[in-house]
Amino acid sequence: MKTALALAALAALVAADVDPLLHDKHHMKDGKHDANYDHEAFLGKDGAKEYEDLTPEQSKSKLEKLLPKIDKDGDGKLTEEELSKHIRFMQERFVTNDVKRTWKQYDERDLDKENRLTWKSYRDRVYGPEGEEISPEYARMIKRDERRWKVADSDSDGFITQKEYECFMHPEDCDSMKDIIVQETTEDIDKDGDGFVTIDEYINDMYRPQDYPDLPEGTEPDWVASEREMFKDYRDKNGDGKLDKEEMTAWLTPEGFDHAEAEAHHLIHMADDDKDDKLSKEEILNHYDIFVGSQATDYGEQLKKHDPAEL
């Protein structure tokens, strides 16, 4: 549920009118801005393997060729609306491609005459035939997948169409899957199994002290302190020190939140040096690492492998 958590974190910050750079853990790593989150939004999740082969000069060159494809009005600057449309396009393309790619693994043995998939066919393909010995972890995953499968099967006919399969694979993009997102995420974070997420469980899910060996004992990074404040001030609405289902729902699936718009706003916040609420080519290239990374990051395969005309 990392996607859901990432969107929820950004949603809460936008709703609270808080600067995402300062408080969103998904934009922070070791106390510094972690641009990987932005690269994935800007370039799409498909571009995540070979970017380290590009030099900064190559990155800037390819980025410069991509920008006119995003600049729909051709005025030489990217607006928040243009960035939002591009990010939304990249999101939708990734989901479409991912569903098509994984659906192809099923053949006439798995699909009926109406091109529908059964739970048994899915389970056998992913986990092996029923009856084979499996680990407790696999058993847990199968149980969880089956529960999600039943929710994605919107007409409860025992079959899943390719469209329903899209909701199964990417529940964060389907309104009908909101409850299962909340349930799965709560189970992931709620270590004592009482159905609630305490502030300690919330922090422990995102922060590992061993990743900060240079910090004095008993201290935390600033972003962790900020997350504690966010929990108390915005997420724990009734102030009882834990998040119930309603509060988890408000955090994970907020009404009216648009991830593409929020991410576009964040990118402009990061790179708009002259504060005109638009990004010029110069500003984008000066901050190229925010959009396409550096040799130390994974993102950017699309800039390496694809002609900008295809984006």
Protein backbone atom coordinates (compact mmCIF):
# COMPACT_ATOMS: atom_id res chain seq x y z
CA MET A 1 0.00 0.00 0.00
CA LYS A 2 2.92 2.33 -0.52
CA THR A 3 1.08 4.16 -3.29
CA ALA A 4 -1.92 4.80 -1.11
CA LEU A 5 0.29 5.98 1.74
CA ALA A 6 2.19 8.33 -0.52
CA LEU A 7 -0.97 9.88 -1.92
CA ALA A 8 -2.49 10.14 1.53
CA ALA A 9 0.54 11.90 2.96
CA LEU A 10 0.51 14.46 0.17
CA ALA A 11 -3.26 14.87 0.46
CA ALA A 12 -3.09 15.63 4.16
CA LEU A 13 -0.45 18.28 3.60
CA VAL A 14 -2.41 20.01 0.86
CA ALA A 15 -5.57 19.98 2.97
CA ALA A 16 -3.64 21.42 5.91
CA ASP A 17 -1.92 24.01 3.69
CA VAL A 18 1.49 22.71 4.78
CA ASP A 19 4.63 22.83 2.66
CA PRO A 20 5.13 19.24 1.43
CA LEU A 21 8.91 19.67 1.19
CA LEU A 22 9.18 20.32 4.90
CA HIS A 23 6.81 17.66 6.15
CA ASP A 24 6.10 14.92 3.64
CA LYS A 25 8.26 11.89 4.44
CA HIS A 26 7.83 10.68 0.87
CA HIS A 27 9.78 13.72 -0.29
CA MET A 28 12.46 13.30 2.37
CA LYS A 29 15.39 10.93 2.80
CA ASP A 30 18.10 11.31 5.41
CA GLY A 31 16.76 14.77 6.16
CA LYS A 32 17.04 15.93 2.54
CA HIS A 33 14.63 16.21 -0.35
CA ASP A 34 14.26 12.79 -1.97
CA ALA A 35 13.38 13.43 -5.59
CA ASN A 36 12.61 9.79 -6.42
CA TYR A 37 8.98 10.41 -5.50
CA ASP A 38 8.83 13.29 -7.98
CA HIS A 39 10.63 11.36 -10.73
CA GLU A 40 8.05 8.58 -10.52
CA ALA A 41 5.21 11.06 -10.83
CA PHE A 42 6.79 13.10 -13.62
CA LEU A 43 8.24 10.23 -15.66
CA GLY A 44 5.91 7.40 -14.72
CA LYS A 45 6.64 4.22 -12.81
CA ASP A 46 7.86 2.47 -15.93
CA GLY A 47 11.05 4.52 -15.90
CA ALA A 48 12.88 2.97 -13.00
CA LYS A 49 15.89 0.89 -14.02
CA GLU A 50 18.66 2.35 -16.16
CA TYR A 51 18.81 6.05 -15.47
CA GLU A 52 22.17 5.83 -13.72
CA ASP A 53 23.82 5.47 -17.14
CA LEU A 54 22.87 9.02 -18.08
CA THR A 55 25.16 11.92 -17.30
CA PRO A 56 23.67 15.21 -16.09
CA GLU A 57 24.31 16.66 -19.55
CA GLN A 58 22.43 13.81 -21.21
CA SER A 59 19.60 14.17 -18.71
CA LYS A 60 19.22 17.86 -19.42
CA SER A 61 19.35 17.31 -23.18
CA LYS A 62 16.61 14.69 -23.13
CA LEU A 63 14.53 16.69 -20.68
CA GLU A 64 14.77 19.74 -22.93
CA LYS A 65 13.35 17.67 -25.81
CA LEU A 66 10.50 16.43 -23.64
CA LEU A 67 9.33 19.82 -22.39
CA PRO A 68 7.61 20.99 -25.62
CA LYS A 69 5.40 17.89 -25.43
CA ILE A 70 4.12 19.06 -22.04
CA ASP A 71 3.94 22.78 -22.96
CA LYS A 72 0.64 22.52 -24.81
CA ASP A 73 0.16 26.25 -25.43
CA GLY A 74 3.74 26.65 -26.66
CA ASP A 75 4.52 29.72 -24.57
CA GLY A 76 7.81 28.30 -23.29
CA LYS A 77 6.61 27.82 -19.72
CA LEU A 78 4.87 25.00 -17.89
CA THR A 79 1.83 25.87 -15.83
CA GLU A 80 0.43 23.85 -12.96
CA GLU A 81 -2.41 22.74 -15.24
CA GLU A 82 0.00 21.51 -17.93
CA LEU A 83 2.07 19.64 -15.36
CA SER A 84 -1.07 18.11 -13.85
CA LYS A 85 -2.26 16.84 -17.22
CA HIS A 86 1.14 15.33 -17.94
CA ILE A 87 1.38 13.63 -14.55
CA ARG A 88 -2.17 12.31 -14.88
CA PHE A 89 -1.33 10.97 -18.33
CA MET A 90 1.75 9.20 -16.99
CA GLN A 91 -0.27 7.67 -14.15
CA GLU A 92 -2.98 6.41 -16.47
CA ARG A 93 -0.50 5.07 -19.00
CA PHE A 94 1.36 3.12 -16.34
CA VAL A 95 -1.84 1.52 -15.04
CA THR A 96 -3.03 0.68 -18.55
CA ASN A 97 0.30 -0.81 -19.57
CA ASP A 98 0.68 -2.73 -16.32
CA VAL A 99 -2.78 -4.27 -16.61
CA LYS A 100 -2.23 -5.21 -20.26
CA ARG A 101 1.18 -6.71 -19.49
CA THR A 102 -0.02 -8.86 -16.61
CA TRP A 103 -3.31 -9.83 -18.29
CA LYS A 104 -1.30 -11.34 -21.15
CA GLN A 105 -0.01 -14.10 -18.87
CA TYR A 106 -3.49 -15.63 -18.83
CA ASP A 107 -4.52 -17.82 -21.76
CA GLU A 108 -7.46 -19.97 -22.86
CA ARG A 109 -6.89 -22.26 -19.88
CA ASP A 110 -7.54 -19.36 -17.51
CA LEU A 111 -10.15 -17.25 -19.32
CA ASP A 112 -13.66 -18.20 -20.26
CA LYS A 113 -15.32 -17.46 -23.60
CA GLU A 114 -16.12 -13.93 -22.43
CA ASN A 115 -12.47 -13.26 -21.58
CA ARG A 116 -13.07 -13.37 -17.82
CA LEU A 117 -10.74 -14.69 -15.15
CA THR A 118 -11.58 -16.86 -12.16
CA TRP A 119 -10.00 -16.64 -8.72
CA LYS A 120 -8.68 -20.20 -9.06
CA SER A 121 -6.91 -19.37 -12.32
CA TYR A 122 -5.34 -16.28 -10.78
CA ARG A 123 -4.30 -18.13 -7.63
CA ASP A 124 -2.78 -21.02 -9.55
CA ARG A 125 -0.81 -18.68 -11.82
CA VAL A 126 0.53 -16.47 -9.05
CA TYR A 127 0.95 -18.85 -6.11
CA GLY A 128 0.91 -22.31 -7.64
CA PRO A 129 -1.86 -24.94 -7.69
CA GLU A 130 -3.99 -25.24 -4.58
CA GLY A 131 -2.85 -28.13 -2.40
CA GLU A 132 0.86 -27.47 -2.78
CA GLU A 133 2.77 -26.70 0.40
CA ILE A 134 3.21 -22.97 0.91
CA SER A 135 4.80 -20.75 3.54
CA PRO A 136 2.73 -18.94 6.17
CA GLU A 137 3.58 -15.66 4.45
CA TYR A 138 2.22 -16.94 1.12
CA ALA A 139 -0.91 -18.17 2.92
CA ARG A 140 -1.42 -14.68 4.34
CA MET A 141 -0.92 -13.09 0.92
CA ILE A 142 -3.39 -15.49 -0.71
CA LYS A 143 -6.03 -14.74 1.90
CA ARG A 144 -5.50 -11.03 1.44
CA ASP A 145 -5.60 -11.25 -2.35
CA GLU A 146 -8.80 -13.29 -2.26
CA ARG A 147 -10.49 -10.70 -0.09
CA ARG A 148 -9.44 -7.93 -2.46
CA TRP A 149 -10.50 -10.06 -5.43
CA LYS A 150 -14.04 -10.39 -4.08
CA VAL A 151 -14.32 -6.61 -3.75
CA ALA A 152 -12.98 -6.04 -7.27
CA ASP A 153 -15.58 -8.52 -8.59
CA SER A 154 -18.14 -5.72 -8.62
CA ASP A 155 -21.09 -7.81 -9.83
CA SER A 156 -20.16 -10.78 -7.59
CA ASP A 157 -20.53 -13.24 -10.48
CA GLY A 158 -17.37 -15.16 -9.60
CA PHE A 159 -15.45 -13.84 -12.60
CA ILE A 160 -13.25 -10.79 -13.09
CA THR A 161 -13.19 -8.85 -16.33
CA GLN A 162 -10.09 -6.99 -17.46
CA LYS A 163 -11.64 -3.75 -16.18
CA GLU A 164 -12.32 -5.31 -12.77
CA TYR A 165 -8.80 -6.74 -12.81
CA GLU A 166 -7.51 -3.17 -13.14
CA CYS A 167 -9.22 -2.32 -9.84
CA PHE A 168 -7.76 -5.45 -8.27
CA MET A 169 -4.24 -4.55 -9.39
CA HIS A 170 -4.51 -0.80 -8.74
CA PRO A 171 -7.14 -0.26 -6.05
CA GLU A 172 -5.97 3.29 -5.39
CA ASP A 173 -7.47 4.29 -8.75
CA CYS A 174 -10.96 2.86 -8.11
CA ASP A 175 -13.53 4.46 -5.82
CA SER A 176 -15.11 1.07 -5.17
CA MET A 177 -11.86 -0.12 -3.58
CA LYS A 178 -11.50 2.60 -0.94
CA ASP A 179 -12.58 0.41 1.95
CA ILE A 180 -10.12 -2.35 1.06
CA ILE A 181 -7.28 0.19 0.84
CA VAL A 182 -8.11 1.39 4.34
CA GLN A 183 -8.42 -2.17 5.67
CA GLU A 184 -5.15 -3.40 4.15
CA THR A 185 -3.17 -0.34 5.20
CA THR A 186 -4.53 -0.48 8.74
CA GLU A 187 -3.50 -4.14 8.97
CA ASP A 188 -0.01 -3.29 7.74
CA ILE A 189 0.55 -0.58 10.34
CA ASP A 190 -1.51 -1.92 13.25
CA LYS A 191 1.06 -4.25 14.81
CA ASP A 192 -0.95 -5.15 17.92
CA GLY A 193 -4.00 -6.04 15.83
CA ASP A 194 -6.52 -4.00 17.81
CA GLY A 195 -7.95 -2.32 14.70
CA PHE A 196 -6.48 1.10 15.46
CA VAL A 197 -3.26 2.87 14.49
CA THR A 198 -1.49 4.53 17.40
CA ILE A 199 1.00 7.33 16.97
CA ASP A 200 3.86 4.91 17.76
CA GLU A 201 2.64 2.45 15.11
CA TYR A 202 2.26 5.31 12.67
CA ILE A 203 5.82 6.56 13.26
CA ASN A 204 7.37 3.08 13.39
CA ASP A 205 5.91 2.31 9.98
CA MET A 206 7.94 5.08 8.36
CA TYR A 207 10.98 5.63 10.59
CA ARG A 208 13.82 3.26 11.48
CA PRO A 209 16.36 4.72 13.93
CA GLN A 210 19.07 2.41 12.55
CA ASP A 211 18.96 4.40 9.31
CA TYR A 212 20.22 7.45 11.25
CA PRO A 213 23.32 6.20 13.10
CA ASP A 214 24.79 9.69 13.47
CA LEU A 215 21.87 11.08 15.46
CA PRO A 216 22.42 11.39 19.24
CA GLU A 217 20.59 8.73 21.23
CA GLY A 218 17.04 9.75 22.11
CA THR A 219 16.70 12.24 19.26
CA GLU A 220 14.81 12.03 15.97
CA PRO A 221 15.13 13.69 12.56
CA ASP A 222 13.15 16.89 12.21
CA TRP A 223 10.78 15.32 9.70
CA VAL A 224 9.76 12.68 12.25
CA ALA A 225 8.89 15.37 14.79
CA SER A 226 6.85 17.08 12.07
CA GLU A 227 5.02 13.82 11.32
CA ARG A 228 4.14 13.51 15.02
CA GLU A 229 2.64 16.99 14.85
CA MET A 230 0.74 16.10 11.70
CA PHE A 231 -0.69 13.02 13.43
CA LYS A 232 -1.86 15.01 16.45
CA ASP A 233 -3.05 18.15 14.66
CA TYR A 234 -4.63 16.79 11.48
CA ARG A 235 -5.05 13.01 11.45
CA ASP A 236 -6.19 12.14 14.97
CA LYS A 237 -9.35 14.22 14.69
CA ASN A 238 -10.94 13.14 17.97
CA GLY A 239 -7.69 13.43 19.91
CA ASP A 240 -7.74 9.95 21.44
CA GLY A 241 -4.17 9.14 20.38
CA LYS A 242 -5.08 6.62 17.69
CA LEU A 243 -6.63 6.49 14.25
CA ASP A 244 -9.92 4.64 13.82
CA LYS A 245 -11.46 3.52 10.53
CA GLU A 246 -13.07 6.90 9.87
CA GLU A 247 -9.82 8.76 10.52
CA MET A 248 -7.83 6.30 8.43
CA THR A 249 -10.33 6.78 5.61
CA ALA A 250 -10.00 10.56 5.79
CA TRP A 251 -6.22 10.20 5.63
CA LEU A 252 -5.89 7.51 2.96
CA THR A 253 -8.78 8.39 0.64
CA PRO A 254 -9.60 12.09 1.19
CA GLU A 255 -12.57 13.47 -0.68
CA GLY A 256 -11.71 15.65 -3.65
CA PHE A 257 -7.96 15.06 -3.55
CA ASP A 258 -6.19 14.99 -6.90
CA HIS A 259 -2.68 13.57 -6.72
CA ALA A 260 -1.65 14.97 -10.10
CA GLU A 261 -2.64 18.50 -9.10
CA ALA A 262 -0.90 18.21 -5.74
CA GLU A 263 2.31 16.87 -7.29
CA ALA A 264 2.28 19.58 -9.98
CA HIS A 265 1.91 22.21 -7.25
CA HIS A 266 4.84 20.68 -5.39
CA LEU A 267 7.08 20.66 -8.49
CA ILE A 268 6.38 24.33 -9.13
CA HIS A 269 7.04 25.08 -5.47
CA MET A 270 10.43 23.40 -5.80
CA ALA A 271 11.63 24.93 -9.08
CA ASP A 272 9.85 28.26 -9.55
CA ASP A 273 12.79 30.57 -8.84
CA ASP A 274 11.14 33.79 -10.02
CA LYS A 275 7.85 32.96 -8.24
CA ASP A 276 5.61 33.58 -11.24
CA ASP A 277 3.77 30.27 -10.70
CA LYS A 278 5.16 28.89 -13.96
CA LEU A 279 8.29 26.99 -14.85
CA SER A 280 10.56 28.22 -17.62
CA LYS A 281 12.92 25.92 -19.48
CA GLU A 282 15.81 27.47 -17.59
CA GLU A 283 14.20 26.83 -14.21
CA ILE A 284 13.44 23.21 -15.10
CA LEU A 285 16.96 22.54 -16.40
CA ASN A 286 18.48 24.27 -13.37
CA HIS A 287 16.47 21.87 -11.20
CA TYR A 288 16.67 18.91 -13.56
CA ASP A 289 17.41 16.52 -10.68
CA ILE A 290 13.92 17.14 -9.27
CA PHE A 291 12.30 16.05 -12.52
CA VAL A 292 14.60 13.31 -13.81
CA GLY A 293 17.04 12.58 -11.03
CA SER A 294 20.78 12.15 -11.03
CA GLN A 295 23.16 9.25 -11.49
CA ALA A 296 22.46 8.24 -7.90
CA THR A 297 18.75 7.60 -8.57
CA ASP A 298 16.89 4.90 -10.45
CA TYR A 299 14.31 6.95 -12.28
CA GLY A 300 14.48 8.15 -15.87
CA GLU A 301 14.42 5.06 -18.07
CA GLN A 302 11.79 6.70 -20.24
CA LEU A 303 14.14 9.53 -21.09
CA LYS A 304 16.78 7.00 -22.05
CA LYS A 305 14.71 4.50 -24.01
CA HIS A 306 11.85 6.47 -25.51
CA ASP A 307 11.67 9.22 -28.03
CA PRO A 308 9.96 12.26 -26.48
CA ALA A 309 7.48 12.13 -29.35
CA GLU A 310 6.09 8.97 -27.76
CA LEU A 311 5.37 10.67 -24.44
